[in-house]
Amino acid sequence: MPLQLDIYHANIKEVFDLKELIAPSENVRAYWKKSNKDMQAAYEEASKGSFIREIATTQRLLYGNSSIYYVHKGNGERLRQEMPMQSFSHSTEMPRLNVLDPESLDYILRIYRGERIKDEVNS
């Protein structure tokens, strides 16, 4: 005879794999796009009063495959340096329940899980 905890975990696994409860990829992309825009705005706002802006210059790379900068020598001469750009990528997996309206979606899922457990215990 299976324990109720085992039945509970089995029910959670069944509900977790339902395709209907997974957010569409368009919504995930829209969420990340808005999140990136908000983070960029927050970064710009936070860096306005930063002392780093007084001691360093900000450079924006627009296009190309290398970065050019100048080294100032002691005799006033400028030496041009070129540094090739390197590729870098990073990715993370988005948690499924936290994409759109996580509180009410989590609440609804808990209700469905509870109903399924009640049905299996009663039958």
PDB file of N, CA and C in Angstrom:
ATOM      1  N   MET A   1       0.848  -1.190   0.000  1.00  0.00           N
ATOM      2  CA  MET A   1       0.000   0.000   0.000  1.00  0.00           C
ATOM      3  C   MET A   1       0.890   1.248   0.000  1.00  0.00           C
ATOM      4  N   PRO A   2       0.709   2.134  -0.993  1.00  0.00           N
ATOM      5  CA  PRO A   2       1.571   3.324  -1.068  1.00  0.00           C
ATOM      6  C   PRO A   2       1.213   4.339   0.025  1.00  0.00           C
ATOM      7  N   LEU A   3       2.230   5.026   0.462  1.00  0.00           N
ATOM      8  CA  LEU A   3       2.016   6.072   1.461  1.00  0.00           C
ATOM      9  C   LEU A   3       1.364   7.285   0.820  1.00  0.00           C
ATOM     10  N   GLN A   4       0.670   8.081   1.632  1.00  0.00           N
ATOM     11  CA  GLN A   4       0.008   9.264   1.090  1.00  0.00           C
ATOM     12  C   GLN A   4       1.025  10.262   0.562  1.00  0.00           C
ATOM     13  N   LEU A   5       2.211  10.313   1.162  1.00  0.00           N
ATOM     14  CA  LEU A   5       3.248  11.224   0.682  1.00  0.00           C
ATOM     15  C   LEU A   5       3.696  10.829  -0.722  1.00  0.00           C
ATOM     16  N   ASP A   6       3.826   9.521  -0.979  1.00  0.00           N
ATOM     17  CA  ASP A   6       4.202   9.057  -2.313  1.00  0.00           C
ATOM     18  C   ASP A   6       3.124   9.395  -3.334  1.00  0.00           C
ATOM     19  N   ILE A   7       1.873   9.228  -2.929  1.00  0.00           N
ATOM     20  CA  ILE A   7       0.756   9.580  -3.812  1.00  0.00           C
ATOM     21  C   ILE A   7       0.776  11.076  -4.100  1.00  0.00           C
ATOM     22  N   TYR A   8       1.029  11.870  -3.074  1.00  0.00           N
ATOM     23  CA  TYR A   8       1.090  13.331  -3.229  1.00  0.00           C
ATOM     24  C   TYR A   8       2.184  13.725  -4.228  1.00  0.00           C
ATOM     25  N   HIS A   9       3.378  13.151  -4.073  1.00  0.00           N
ATOM     26  CA  HIS A   9       4.480  13.478  -4.979  1.00  0.00           C
ATOM     27  C   HIS A   9       4.194  13.019  -6.402  1.00  0.00           C
ATOM     28  N   ALA A  10       3.576  11.879  -6.564  1.00  0.00           N
ATOM     29  CA  ALA A  10       3.209  11.391  -7.897  1.00  0.00           C
ATOM     30  C   ALA A  10       2.208  12.333  -8.550  1.00  0.00           C
ATOM     31  N   ASN A  11       1.255  12.825  -7.784  1.00  0.00           N
ATOM     32  CA  ASN A  11       0.262  13.771  -8.321  1.00  0.00           C
ATOM     33  C   ASN A  11       0.903  15.081  -8.727  1.00  0.00           C
ATOM     34  N   ILE A  12       1.851  15.558  -7.935  1.00  0.00           N
ATOM     35  CA  ILE A  12       2.544  16.803  -8.277  1.00  0.00           C
ATOM     36  C   ILE A  12       3.316  16.629  -9.580  1.00  0.00           C
ATOM     37  N   LYS A  13       3.978  15.490  -9.755  1.00  0.00           N
ATOM     38  CA  LYS A  13       4.722  15.243 -10.996  1.00  0.00           C
ATOM     39  C   LYS A  13       3.793  15.232 -12.201  1.00  0.00           C
ATOM     40  N   GLU A  14       2.627  14.649 -12.081  1.00  0.00           N
ATOM     41  CA  GLU A  14       1.673  14.607 -13.195  1.00  0.00           C
ATOM     42  C   GLU A  14       1.198  16.007 -13.565  1.00  0.00           C
ATOM     43  N   VAL A  15       0.869  16.814 -12.570  1.00  0.00           N
ATOM     44  CA  VAL A  15       0.372  18.164 -12.833  1.00  0.00           C
ATOM     45  C   VAL A  15       1.493  19.043 -13.377  1.00  0.00           C
ATOM     46  N   PHE A  16       2.712  18.849 -12.908  1.00  0.00           N
ATOM     47  CA  PHE A  16       3.845  19.678 -13.318  1.00  0.00           C
ATOM     48  C   PHE A  16       4.141  19.529 -14.804  1.00  0.00           C
ATOM     49  N   ASP A  17       3.871  18.372 -15.395  1.00  0.00           N
ATOM     50  CA  ASP A  17       4.191  18.126 -16.791  1.00  0.00           C
ATOM     51  C   ASP A  17       3.079  18.522 -17.761  1.00  0.00           C
ATOM     52  N   LEU A  18       1.999  19.107 -17.284  1.00  0.00           N
ATOM     53  CA  LEU A  18       0.919  19.521 -18.182  1.00  0.00           C
ATOM     54  C   LEU A  18       1.379  20.680 -19.058  1.00  0.00           C
ATOM     55  N   LYS A  19       1.242  20.514 -20.373  1.00  0.00           N
ATOM     56  CA  LYS A  19       1.676  21.557 -21.307  1.00  0.00           C
ATOM     57  C   LYS A  19       0.823  22.814 -21.191  1.00  0.00           C
ATOM     58  N   GLU A  20      -0.410  22.657 -20.773  1.00  0.00           N
ATOM     59  CA  GLU A  20      -1.320  23.795 -20.672  1.00  0.00           C
ATOM     60  C   GLU A  20      -0.874  24.794 -19.603  1.00  0.00           C
ATOM     61  N   LEU A  21      -0.083  24.354 -18.649  1.00  0.00           N
ATOM     62  CA  LEU A  21       0.335  25.229 -17.555  1.00  0.00           C
ATOM     63  C   LEU A  21       1.707  25.845 -17.775  1.00  0.00           C
ATOM     64  N   ILE A  22       2.333  25.591 -18.915  1.00  0.00           N
ATOM     65  CA  ILE A  22       3.640  26.158 -19.237  1.00  0.00           C
ATOM     66  C   ILE A  22       3.415  27.418 -20.075  1.00  0.00           C
ATOM     67  N   ALA A  23       4.089  28.504 -19.716  1.00  0.00           N
ATOM     68  CA  ALA A  23       3.925  29.767 -20.441  1.00  0.00           C
ATOM     69  C   ALA A  23       4.493  29.644 -21.860  1.00  0.00           C
ATOM     70  N   PRO A  24       3.818  30.242 -22.861  1.00  0.00           N
ATOM     71  CA  PRO A  24       4.325  30.212 -24.233  1.00  0.00           C
ATOM     72  C   PRO A  24       5.666  30.946 -24.334  1.00  0.00           C
ATOM     73  N   SER A  25       6.473  30.559 -25.311  1.00  0.00           N
ATOM     74  CA  SER A  25       7.802  31.154 -25.460  1.00  0.00           C
ATOM     75  C   SER A  25       7.720  32.647 -25.790  1.00  0.00           C
ATOM     76  N   GLU A  26       6.643  33.092 -26.466  1.00  0.00           N
ATOM     77  CA  GLU A  26       6.498  34.524 -26.764  1.00  0.00           C
ATOM     78  C   GLU A  26       6.369  35.326 -25.471  1.00  0.00           C
ATOM     79  N   ASN A  27       5.640  34.776 -24.501  1.00  0.00           N
ATOM     80  CA  ASN A  27       5.475  35.468 -23.227  1.00  0.00           C
ATOM     81  C   ASN A  27       6.786  35.511 -22.456  1.00  0.00           C
ATOM     82  N   VAL A  28       7.550  34.435 -22.539  1.00  0.00           N
ATOM     83  CA  VAL A  28       8.842  34.405 -21.855  1.00  0.00           C
ATOM     84  C   VAL A  28       9.767  35.453 -22.469  1.00  0.00           C
ATOM     85  N   ARG A  29       9.794  35.532 -23.818  1.00  0.00           N
ATOM     86  CA  ARG A  29      10.631  36.533 -24.491  1.00  0.00           C
ATOM     87  C   ARG A  29      10.180  37.951 -24.131  1.00  0.00           C
ATOM     88  N   ALA A  30       8.876  38.186 -24.099  1.00  0.00           N
ATOM     89  CA  ALA A  30       8.368  39.520 -23.737  1.00  0.00           C
ATOM     90  C   ALA A  30       8.746  39.867 -22.306  1.00  0.00           C
ATOM     91  N   TYR A  31       8.675  38.896 -21.413  1.00  0.00           N
ATOM     92  CA  TYR A  31       9.060  39.128 -20.018  1.00  0.00           C
ATOM     93  C   TYR A  31      10.535  39.521 -19.922  1.00  0.00           C
ATOM     94  N   TRP A  32      11.413  38.775 -20.598  1.00  0.00           N
ATOM     95  CA  TRP A  32      12.842  39.070 -20.527  1.00  0.00           C
ATOM     96  C   TRP A  32      13.174  40.401 -21.188  1.00  0.00           C
ATOM     97  N   LYS A  33      12.483  40.744 -22.278  1.00  0.00           N
ATOM     98  CA  LYS A  33      12.721  42.020 -22.944  1.00  0.00           C
ATOM     99  C   LYS A  33      12.368  43.181 -22.013  1.00  0.00           C
ATOM    100  N   LYS A  34      11.214  43.092 -21.355  1.00  0.00           N
ATOM    101  CA  LYS A  34      10.815  44.139 -20.416  1.00  0.00           C
ATOM    102  C   LYS A  34      11.759  44.170 -19.220  1.00  0.00           C
ATOM    103  N   SER A  35      12.156  43.008 -18.740  1.00  0.00           N
ATOM    104  CA  SER A  35      13.068  42.941 -17.604  1.00  0.00           C
ATOM    105  C   SER A  35      14.404  43.590 -17.943  1.00  0.00           C
ATOM    106  N   ASN A  36      14.933  43.307 -19.142  1.00  0.00           N
ATOM    107  CA  ASN A  36      16.197  43.917 -19.559  1.00  0.00           C
ATOM    108  C   ASN A  36      16.081  45.428 -19.696  1.00  0.00           C
ATOM    109  N   LYS A  37      14.946  45.892 -20.230  1.00  0.00           N
ATOM    110  CA  LYS A  37      14.734  47.331 -20.370  1.00  0.00           C
ATOM    111  C   LYS A  37      14.661  48.004 -18.999  1.00  0.00           C
ATOM    112  N   ASP A  38      13.956  47.367 -18.055  1.00  0.00           N
ATOM    113  CA  ASP A  38      13.863  47.914 -16.698  1.00  0.00           C
ATOM    114  C   ASP A  38      15.225  47.927 -16.001  1.00  0.00           C
ATOM    115  N   MET A  39      15.999  46.862 -16.188  1.00  0.00           N
ATOM    116  CA  MET A  39      17.331  46.801 -15.578  1.00  0.00           C
ATOM    117  C   MET A  39      18.249  47.875 -16.155  1.00  0.00           C
ATOM    118  N   GLN A  40      18.175  48.110 -17.470  1.00  0.00           N
ATOM    119  CA  GLN A  40      19.001  49.143 -18.098  1.00  0.00           C
ATOM    120  C   GLN A  40      18.613  50.517 -17.574  1.00  0.00           C
ATOM    121  N   ALA A  41      17.312  50.768 -17.434  1.00  0.00           N
ATOM    122  CA  ALA A  41      16.859  52.057 -16.898  1.00  0.00           C
ATOM    123  C   ALA A  41      17.320  52.228 -15.448  1.00  0.00           C
ATOM    124  N   ALA A  42      17.233  51.173 -14.654  1.00  0.00           N
ATOM    125  CA  ALA A  42      17.687  51.246 -13.261  1.00  0.00           C
ATOM    126  C   ALA A  42      19.193  51.471 -13.193  1.00  0.00           C
ATOM    127  N   TYR A  43      19.956  50.837 -14.074  1.00  0.00           N
ATOM    128  CA  TYR A  43      21.404  51.024 -14.106  1.00  0.00           C
ATOM    129  C   TYR A  43      21.750  52.473 -14.451  1.00  0.00           C
ATOM    130  N   GLU A  44      21.075  53.015 -15.471  1.00  0.00           N
ATOM    131  CA  GLU A  44      21.330  54.408 -15.862  1.00  0.00           C
ATOM    132  C   GLU A  44      20.993  55.359 -14.713  1.00  0.00           C
ATOM    133  N   GLU A  45      19.884  55.117 -14.042  1.00  0.00           N
ATOM    134  CA  GLU A  45      19.470  55.977 -12.932  1.00  0.00           C
ATOM    135  C   GLU A  45      20.459  55.890 -11.773  1.00  0.00           C
ATOM    136  N   ALA A  46      20.900  54.680 -11.451  1.00  0.00           N
ATOM    137  CA  ALA A  46      21.821  54.488 -10.325  1.00  0.00           C
ATOM    138  C   ALA A  46      23.198  55.050 -10.610  1.00  0.00           C
ATOM    139  N   SER A  47      23.620  55.012 -11.865  1.00  0.00           N
ATOM    140  CA  SER A  47      24.972  55.473 -12.175  1.00  0.00           C
ATOM    141  C   SER A  47      25.057  56.986 -12.351  1.00  0.00           C
ATOM    142  N   LYS A  48      23.933  57.689 -12.330  1.00  0.00           N
ATOM    143  CA  LYS A  48      23.968  59.151 -12.481  1.00  0.00           C
ATOM    144  C   LYS A  48      24.781  59.820 -11.380  1.00  0.00           C
ATOM    145  N   GLY A  49      24.594  59.412 -10.140  1.00  0.00           N
ATOM    146  CA  GLY A  49      25.293  60.043  -9.032  1.00  0.00           C
ATOM    147  C   GLY A  49      26.555  59.308  -8.616  1.00  0.00           C
ATOM    148  N   SER A  50      27.035  58.393  -9.433  1.00  0.00           N
ATOM    149  CA  SER A  50      28.179  57.572  -9.065  1.00  0.00           C
ATOM    150  C   SER A  50      29.482  58.347  -9.227  1.00  0.00           C
ATOM    151  N   PHE A  51      30.412  58.129  -8.308  1.00  0.00           N
ATOM    152  CA  PHE A  51      31.716  58.771  -8.407  1.00  0.00           C
ATOM    153  C   PHE A  51      32.572  58.125  -9.504  1.00  0.00           C
ATOM    154  N   ILE A  52      32.191  56.959  -9.947  1.00  0.00           N
ATOM    155  CA  ILE A  52      32.941  56.272 -11.010  1.00  0.00           C
ATOM    156  C   ILE A  52      32.914  57.091 -12.299  1.00  0.00           C
ATOM    157  N   ARG A  53      31.812  57.778 -12.545  1.00  0.00           N
ATOM    158  CA  ARG A  53      31.719  58.611 -13.759  1.00  0.00           C
ATOM    159  C   ARG A  53      32.727  59.747 -13.745  1.00  0.00           C
ATOM    160  N   GLU A  54      33.157  60.162 -12.565  1.00  0.00           N
ATOM    161  CA  GLU A  54      34.129  61.250 -12.476  1.00  0.00           C
ATOM    162  C   GLU A  54      35.547  60.774 -12.757  1.00  0.00           C
ATOM    163  N   ILE A  55      35.829  59.495 -12.488  1.00  0.00           N
ATOM    164  CA  ILE A  55      37.198  59.013 -12.665  1.00  0.00           C
ATOM    165  C   ILE A  55      37.359  58.112 -13.891  1.00  0.00           C
ATOM    166  N   ALA A  56      36.275  57.724 -14.549  1.00  0.00           N
ATOM    167  CA  ALA A  56      36.356  56.850 -15.715  1.00  0.00           C
ATOM    168  C   ALA A  56      35.407  57.348 -16.792  1.00  0.00           C
ATOM    169  N   THR A  57      35.741  57.022 -18.009  1.00  0.00           N
ATOM    170  CA  THR A  57      34.876  57.401 -19.124  1.00  0.00           C
ATOM    171  C   THR A  57      34.049  56.199 -19.564  1.00  0.00           C
ATOM    172  N   THR A  58      32.875  56.482 -20.070  1.00  0.00           N
ATOM    173  CA  THR A  58      31.993  55.431 -20.573  1.00  0.00           C
ATOM    174  C   THR A  58      32.178  55.337 -22.077  1.00  0.00           C
ATOM    175  N   GLN A  59      32.353  54.116 -22.556  1.00  0.00           N
ATOM    176  CA  GLN A  59      32.485  53.896 -23.994  1.00  0.00           C
ATOM    177  C   GLN A  59      31.398  52.941 -24.447  1.00  0.00           C
ATOM    178  N   ARG A  60      30.814  53.240 -25.578  1.00  0.00           N
ATOM    179  CA  ARG A  60      29.786  52.376 -26.138  1.00  0.00           C
ATOM    180  C   ARG A  60      30.304  51.804 -27.450  1.00  0.00           C
ATOM    181  N   LEU A  61      30.210  50.502 -27.574  1.00  0.00           N
ATOM    182  CA  LEU A  61      30.600  49.826 -28.803  1.00  0.00           C
ATOM    183  C   LEU A  61      29.371  49.697 -29.688  1.00  0.00           C
ATOM    184  N   LEU A  62      29.443  50.274 -30.864  1.00  0.00           N
ATOM    185  CA  LEU A  62      28.278  50.264 -31.738  1.00  0.00           C
ATOM    186  C   LEU A  62      28.317  49.107 -32.731  1.00  0.00           C
ATOM    187  N   TYR A  63      29.441  48.901 -33.354  1.00  0.00           N
ATOM    188  CA  TYR A  63      29.566  47.823 -34.327  1.00  0.00           C
ATOM    189  C   TYR A  63      31.041  47.562 -34.564  1.00  0.00           C
ATOM    190  N   GLY A  64      31.340  46.507 -35.263  1.00  0.00           N
ATOM    191  CA  GLY A  64      32.724  46.194 -35.590  1.00  0.00           C
ATOM    192  C   GLY A  64      33.186  44.935 -34.891  1.00  0.00           C
ATOM    193  N   ASN A  65      34.438  44.578 -35.143  1.00  0.00           N
ATOM    194  CA  ASN A  65      34.980  43.372 -34.546  1.00  0.00           C
ATOM    195  C   ASN A  65      36.231  43.643 -33.724  1.00  0.00           C
ATOM    196  N   SER A  66      36.516  44.923 -33.467  1.00  0.00           N
ATOM    197  CA  SER A  66      37.656  45.258 -32.617  1.00  0.00           C
ATOM    198  C   SER A  66      37.400  46.597 -31.922  1.00  0.00           C
ATOM    199  N   SER A  67      38.141  46.818 -30.848  1.00  0.00           N
ATOM    200  CA  SER A  67      38.040  48.056 -30.083  1.00  0.00           C
ATOM    201  C   SER A  67      39.366  48.799 -30.214  1.00  0.00           C
ATOM    202  N   ILE A  68      39.295  50.091 -30.459  1.00  0.00           N
ATOM    203  CA  ILE A  68      40.507  50.907 -30.624  1.00  0.00           C
ATOM    204  C   ILE A  68      40.597  51.868 -29.448  1.00  0.00           C
ATOM    205  N   TYR A  69      41.753  51.949 -28.856  1.00  0.00           N
ATOM    206  CA  TYR A  69      41.993  52.891 -27.775  1.00  0.00           C
ATOM    207  C   TYR A  69      43.402  53.446 -27.919  1.00  0.00           C
ATOM    208  N   TYR A  70      43.652  54.563 -27.260  1.00  0.00           N
ATOM    209  CA  TYR A  70      44.937  55.242 -27.385  1.00  0.00           C
ATOM    210  C   TYR A  70      45.644  55.254 -26.036  1.00  0.00           C
ATOM    211  N   VAL A  71      46.941  54.973 -26.069  1.00  0.00           N
ATOM    212  CA  VAL A  71      47.787  55.017 -24.881  1.00  0.00           C
ATOM    213  C   VAL A  71      48.621  56.281 -24.978  1.00  0.00           C
ATOM    214  N   HIS A  72      48.586  57.103 -23.929  1.00  0.00           N
ATOM    215  CA  HIS A  72      49.337  58.352 -23.914  1.00  0.00           C
ATOM    216  C   HIS A  72      50.700  58.110 -23.289  1.00  0.00           C
ATOM    217  N   LYS A  73      51.744  58.426 -24.039  1.00  0.00           N
ATOM    218  CA  LYS A  73      53.105  58.258 -23.544  1.00  0.00           C
ATOM    219  C   LYS A  73      53.515  59.498 -22.755  1.00  0.00           C
ATOM    220  N   GLY A  74      54.607  59.382 -22.031  1.00  0.00           N
ATOM    221  CA  GLY A  74      55.085  60.489 -21.203  1.00  0.00           C
ATOM    222  C   GLY A  74      55.515  61.705 -22.002  1.00  0.00           C
ATOM    223  N   ASN A  75      55.947  61.530 -23.250  1.00  0.00           N
ATOM    224  CA  ASN A  75      56.405  62.669 -24.058  1.00  0.00           C
ATOM    225  C   ASN A  75      55.263  63.330 -24.833  1.00  0.00           C
ATOM    226  N   GLY A  76      54.026  62.994 -24.536  1.00  0.00           N
ATOM    227  CA  GLY A  76      52.870  63.605 -25.191  1.00  0.00           C
ATOM    228  C   GLY A  76      52.406  62.866 -26.434  1.00  0.00           C
ATOM    229  N   GLU A  77      53.134  61.835 -26.827  1.00  0.00           N
ATOM    230  CA  GLU A  77      52.770  61.050 -27.999  1.00  0.00           C
ATOM    231  C   GLU A  77      51.619  60.102 -27.667  1.00  0.00           C
ATOM    232  N   ARG A  78      50.765  59.865 -28.651  1.00  0.00           N
ATOM    233  CA  ARG A  78      49.667  58.913 -28.477  1.00  0.00           C
ATOM    234  C   ARG A  78      49.952  57.681 -29.314  1.00  0.00           C
ATOM    235  N   LEU A  79      49.796  56.516 -28.705  1.00  0.00           N
ATOM    236  CA  LEU A  79      50.014  55.256 -29.394  1.00  0.00           C
ATOM    237  C   LEU A  79      48.665  54.565 -29.568  1.00  0.00           C
ATOM    238  N   ARG A  80      48.335  54.271 -30.835  1.00  0.00           N
ATOM    239  CA  ARG A  80      47.048  53.634 -31.140  1.00  0.00           C
ATOM    240  C   ARG A  80      47.152  52.136 -30.913  1.00  0.00           C
ATOM    241  N   GLN A  81      46.192  51.586 -30.138  1.00  0.00           N
ATOM    242  CA  GLN A  81      46.133  50.155 -29.858  1.00  0.00           C
ATOM    243  C   GLN A  81      44.792  49.618 -30.339  1.00  0.00           C
ATOM    244  N   GLU A  82      44.814  48.402 -30.850  1.00  0.00           N
ATOM    245  CA  GLU A  82      43.582  47.760 -31.312  1.00  0.00           C
ATOM    246  C   GLU A  82      43.460  46.411 -30.618  1.00  0.00           C
ATOM    247  N   MET A  83      42.260  46.142 -30.075  1.00  0.00           N
ATOM    248  CA  MET A  83      42.022  44.887 -29.371  1.00  0.00           C
ATOM    249  C   MET A  83      40.825  44.191 -30.018  1.00  0.00           C
ATOM    250  N   PRO A  84      41.020  42.962 -30.524  1.00  0.00           N
ATOM    251  CA  PRO A  84      39.886  42.245 -31.119  1.00  0.00           C
ATOM    252  C   PRO A  84      38.861  41.864 -30.058  1.00  0.00           C
ATOM    253  N   MET A  85      37.605  41.893 -30.443  1.00  0.00           N
ATOM    254  CA  MET A  85      36.535  41.546 -29.514  1.00  0.00           C
ATOM    255  C   MET A  85      36.423  40.034 -29.394  1.00  0.00           C
ATOM    256  N   GLN A  86      36.004  39.589 -28.234  1.00  0.00           N
ATOM    257  CA  GLN A  86      35.797  38.173 -27.966  1.00  0.00           C
ATOM    258  C   GLN A  86      34.303  37.926 -27.796  1.00  0.00           C
ATOM    259  N   SER A  87      33.865  36.743 -28.145  1.00  0.00           N
ATOM    260  CA  SER A  87      32.446  36.424 -27.965  1.00  0.00           C
ATOM    261  C   SER A  87      32.218  35.909 -26.553  1.00  0.00           C
ATOM    262  N   PHE A  88      31.032  36.196 -26.043  1.00  0.00           N
ATOM    263  CA  PHE A  88      30.650  35.764 -24.706  1.00  0.00           C
ATOM    264  C   PHE A  88      29.151  35.551 -24.707  1.00  0.00           C
ATOM    265  N   SER A  89      28.718  34.462 -24.124  1.00  0.00           N
ATOM    266  CA  SER A  89      27.281  34.230 -24.025  1.00  0.00           C
ATOM    267  C   SER A  89      26.959  33.601 -22.679  1.00  0.00           C
ATOM    268  N   HIS A  90      25.737  33.836 -22.248  1.00  0.00           N
ATOM    269  CA  HIS A  90      25.261  33.293 -20.975  1.00  0.00           C
ATOM    270  C   HIS A  90      23.773  33.067 -21.105  1.00  0.00           C
ATOM    271  N   SER A  91      23.306  31.949 -20.604  1.00  0.00           N
ATOM    272  CA  SER A  91      21.878  31.687 -20.664  1.00  0.00           C
ATOM    273  C   SER A  91      21.429  31.019 -19.377  1.00  0.00           C
ATOM    274  N   THR A  92      20.162  31.243 -19.052  1.00  0.00           N
ATOM    275  CA  THR A  92      19.563  30.606 -17.886  1.00  0.00           C
ATOM    276  C   THR A  92      18.196  30.081 -18.290  1.00  0.00           C
ATOM    277  N   GLU A  93      17.712  29.142 -17.538  1.00  0.00           N
ATOM    278  CA  GLU A  93      16.379  28.611 -17.802  1.00  0.00           C
ATOM    279  C   GLU A  93      15.387  29.347 -16.919  1.00  0.00           C
ATOM    280  N   MET A  94      14.315  29.796 -17.525  1.00  0.00           N
ATOM    281  CA  MET A  94      13.300  30.552 -16.806  1.00  0.00           C
ATOM    282  C   MET A  94      12.425  29.600 -16.011  1.00  0.00           C
ATOM    283  N   PRO A  95      12.228  29.851 -14.715  1.00  0.00           N
ATOM    284  CA  PRO A  95      11.285  29.019 -13.947  1.00  0.00           C
ATOM    285  C   PRO A  95       9.885  29.168 -14.516  1.00  0.00           C
ATOM    286  N   ARG A  96       9.196  28.060 -14.648  1.00  0.00           N
ATOM    287  CA  ARG A  96       7.904  28.081 -15.326  1.00  0.00           C
ATOM    288  C   ARG A  96       6.822  28.837 -14.560  1.00  0.00           C
ATOM    289  N   LEU A  97       6.780  28.697 -13.255  1.00  0.00           N
ATOM    290  CA  LEU A  97       5.680  29.305 -12.506  1.00  0.00           C
ATOM    291  C   LEU A  97       5.846  30.814 -12.328  1.00  0.00           C
ATOM    292  N   ASN A  98       7.012  31.346 -12.558  1.00  0.00           N
ATOM    293  CA  ASN A  98       7.253  32.759 -12.259  1.00  0.00           C
ATOM    294  C   ASN A  98       7.251  33.649 -13.481  1.00  0.00           C
ATOM    295  N   VAL A  99       6.716  33.196 -14.601  1.00  0.00           N
ATOM    296  CA  VAL A  99       6.734  34.023 -15.802  1.00  0.00           C
ATOM    297  C   VAL A  99       5.587  35.024 -15.789  1.00  0.00           C
ATOM    298  N   LEU A 100       4.372  34.525 -15.763  1.00  0.00           N
ATOM    299  CA  LEU A 100       3.213  35.417 -15.802  1.00  0.00           C
ATOM    300  C   LEU A 100       2.349  35.206 -14.573  1.00  0.00           C
ATOM    301  N   ASP A 101       2.133  36.248 -13.831  1.00  0.00           N
ATOM    302  CA  ASP A 101       1.238  36.224 -12.680  1.00  0.00           C
ATOM    303  C   ASP A 101       1.529  35.040 -11.758  1.00  0.00           C
ATOM    304  N   PRO A 102       2.711  35.012 -11.159  1.00  0.00           N
ATOM    305  CA  PRO A 102       3.113  33.810 -10.414  1.00  0.00           C
ATOM    306  C   PRO A 102       2.249  33.507  -9.200  1.00  0.00           C
ATOM    307  N   GLU A 103       1.719  34.517  -8.516  1.00  0.00           N
ATOM    308  CA  GLU A 103       0.959  34.251  -7.296  1.00  0.00           C
ATOM    309  C   GLU A 103      -0.338  33.524  -7.584  1.00  0.00           C
ATOM    310  N   SER A 104      -1.126  34.054  -8.520  1.00  0.00           N
ATOM    311  CA  SER A 104      -2.421  33.409  -8.764  1.00  0.00           C
ATOM    312  C   SER A 104      -2.256  32.092  -9.514  1.00  0.00           C
ATOM    313  N   LEU A 105      -1.247  31.974 -10.397  1.00  0.00           N
ATOM    314  CA  LEU A 105      -1.016  30.706 -11.068  1.00  0.00           C
ATOM    315  C   LEU A 105      -0.609  29.639 -10.064  1.00  0.00           C
ATOM    316  N   ASP A 106       0.260  29.992  -9.125  1.00  0.00           N
ATOM    317  CA  ASP A 106       0.673  29.032  -8.104  1.00  0.00           C
ATOM    318  C   ASP A 106      -0.523  28.631  -7.240  1.00  0.00           C
ATOM    319  N   TYR A 107      -1.386  29.582  -6.919  1.00  0.00           N
ATOM    320  CA  TYR A 107      -2.576  29.292  -6.116  1.00  0.00           C
ATOM    321  C   TYR A 107      -3.511  28.331  -6.855  1.00  0.00           C
ATOM    322  N   ILE A 108      -3.737  28.592  -8.147  1.00  0.00           N
ATOM    323  CA  ILE A 108      -4.613  27.715  -8.937  1.00  0.00           C
ATOM    324  C   ILE A 108      -4.016  26.314  -9.028  1.00  0.00           C
ATOM    325  N   LEU A 109      -2.712  26.217  -9.218  1.00  0.00           N
ATOM    326  CA  LEU A 109      -2.079  24.903  -9.294  1.00  0.00           C
ATOM    327  C   LEU A 109      -2.224  24.147  -7.978  1.00  0.00           C
ATOM    328  N   ARG A 110      -2.109  24.857  -6.868  1.00  0.00           N
ATOM    329  CA  ARG A 110      -2.287  24.200  -5.575  1.00  0.00           C
ATOM    330  C   ARG A 110      -3.707  23.665  -5.423  1.00  0.00           C
ATOM    331  N   ILE A 111      -4.690  24.424  -5.899  1.00  0.00           N
ATOM    332  CA  ILE A 111      -6.085  23.968  -5.844  1.00  0.00           C
ATOM    333  C   ILE A 111      -6.252  22.713  -6.686  1.00  0.00           C
ATOM    334  N   TYR A 112      -5.708  22.723  -7.927  1.00  0.00           N
ATOM    335  CA  TYR A 112      -5.810  21.545  -8.795  1.00  0.00           C
ATOM    336  C   TYR A 112      -5.137  20.333  -8.151  1.00  0.00           C
ATOM    337  N   ARG A 113      -3.975  20.527  -7.560  1.00  0.00           N
ATOM    338  CA  ARG A 113      -3.279  19.419  -6.922  1.00  0.00           C
ATOM    339  C   ARG A 113      -4.092  18.873  -5.755  1.00  0.00           C
ATOM    340  N   GLY A 114      -4.654  19.760  -4.977  1.00  0.00           N
ATOM    341  CA  GLY A 114      -5.473  19.336  -3.848  1.00  0.00           C
ATOM    342  C   GLY A 114      -6.699  18.564  -4.291  1.00  0.00           C
ATOM    343  N   GLU A 115      -7.362  19.026  -5.353  1.00  0.00           N
ATOM    344  CA  GLU A 115      -8.535  18.317  -5.862  1.00  0.00           C
ATOM    345  C   GLU A 115      -8.166  16.943  -6.392  1.00  0.00           C
ATOM    346  N   ARG A 116      -7.042  16.855  -7.083  1.00  0.00           N
ATOM    347  CA  ARG A 116      -6.629  15.559  -7.620  1.00  0.00           C
ATOM    348  C   ARG A 116      -6.294  14.599  -6.486  1.00  0.00           C
ATOM    349  N   ILE A 117      -5.633  15.099  -5.450  1.00  0.00           N
ATOM    350  CA  ILE A 117      -5.298  14.243  -4.304  1.00  0.00           C
ATOM    351  C   ILE A 117      -6.580  13.774  -3.600  1.00  0.00           C
ATOM    352  N   LYS A 118      -7.562  14.683  -3.435  1.00  0.00           N
ATOM    353  CA  LYS A 118      -8.832  14.303  -2.798  1.00  0.00           C
ATOM    354  C   LYS A 118      -9.532  13.229  -3.614  1.00  0.00           C
ATOM    355  N   ASP A 119      -9.526  13.384  -4.952  1.00  0.00           N
ATOM    356  CA  ASP A 119     -10.181  12.401  -5.812  1.00  0.00           C
ATOM    357  C   ASP A 119      -9.515  11.033  -5.688  1.00  0.00           C
ATOM    358  N   GLU A 120      -8.200  10.995  -5.630  1.00  0.00           N
ATOM    359  CA  GLU A 120      -7.500   9.706  -5.566  1.00  0.00           C
ATOM    360  C   GLU A 120      -7.620   9.083  -4.187  1.00  0.00           C
ATOM    361  N   VAL A 121      -7.677   9.884  -3.141  1.00  0.00           N
ATOM    362  CA  VAL A 121      -7.828   9.339  -1.802  1.00  0.00           C
ATOM    363  C   VAL A 121      -9.241   8.778  -1.624  1.00  0.00           C
ATOM    364  N   ASN A 122     -10.235   9.493  -2.181  1.00  0.00           N
ATOM    365  CA  ASN A 122     -11.632   9.047  -2.058  1.00  0.00           C
ATOM    366  C   ASN A 122     -11.947   7.829  -2.920  1.00  0.00           C
ATOM    367  N   SER A 123     -11.191   7.628  -3.993  1.00  0.00           N
ATOM    368  CA  SER A 123     -11.523   6.490  -4.875  1.00  0.00           C
ATOM    369  C   SER A 123     -10.765   5.231  -4.522  1.00  0.00           C
TER     370      SER A 123
END
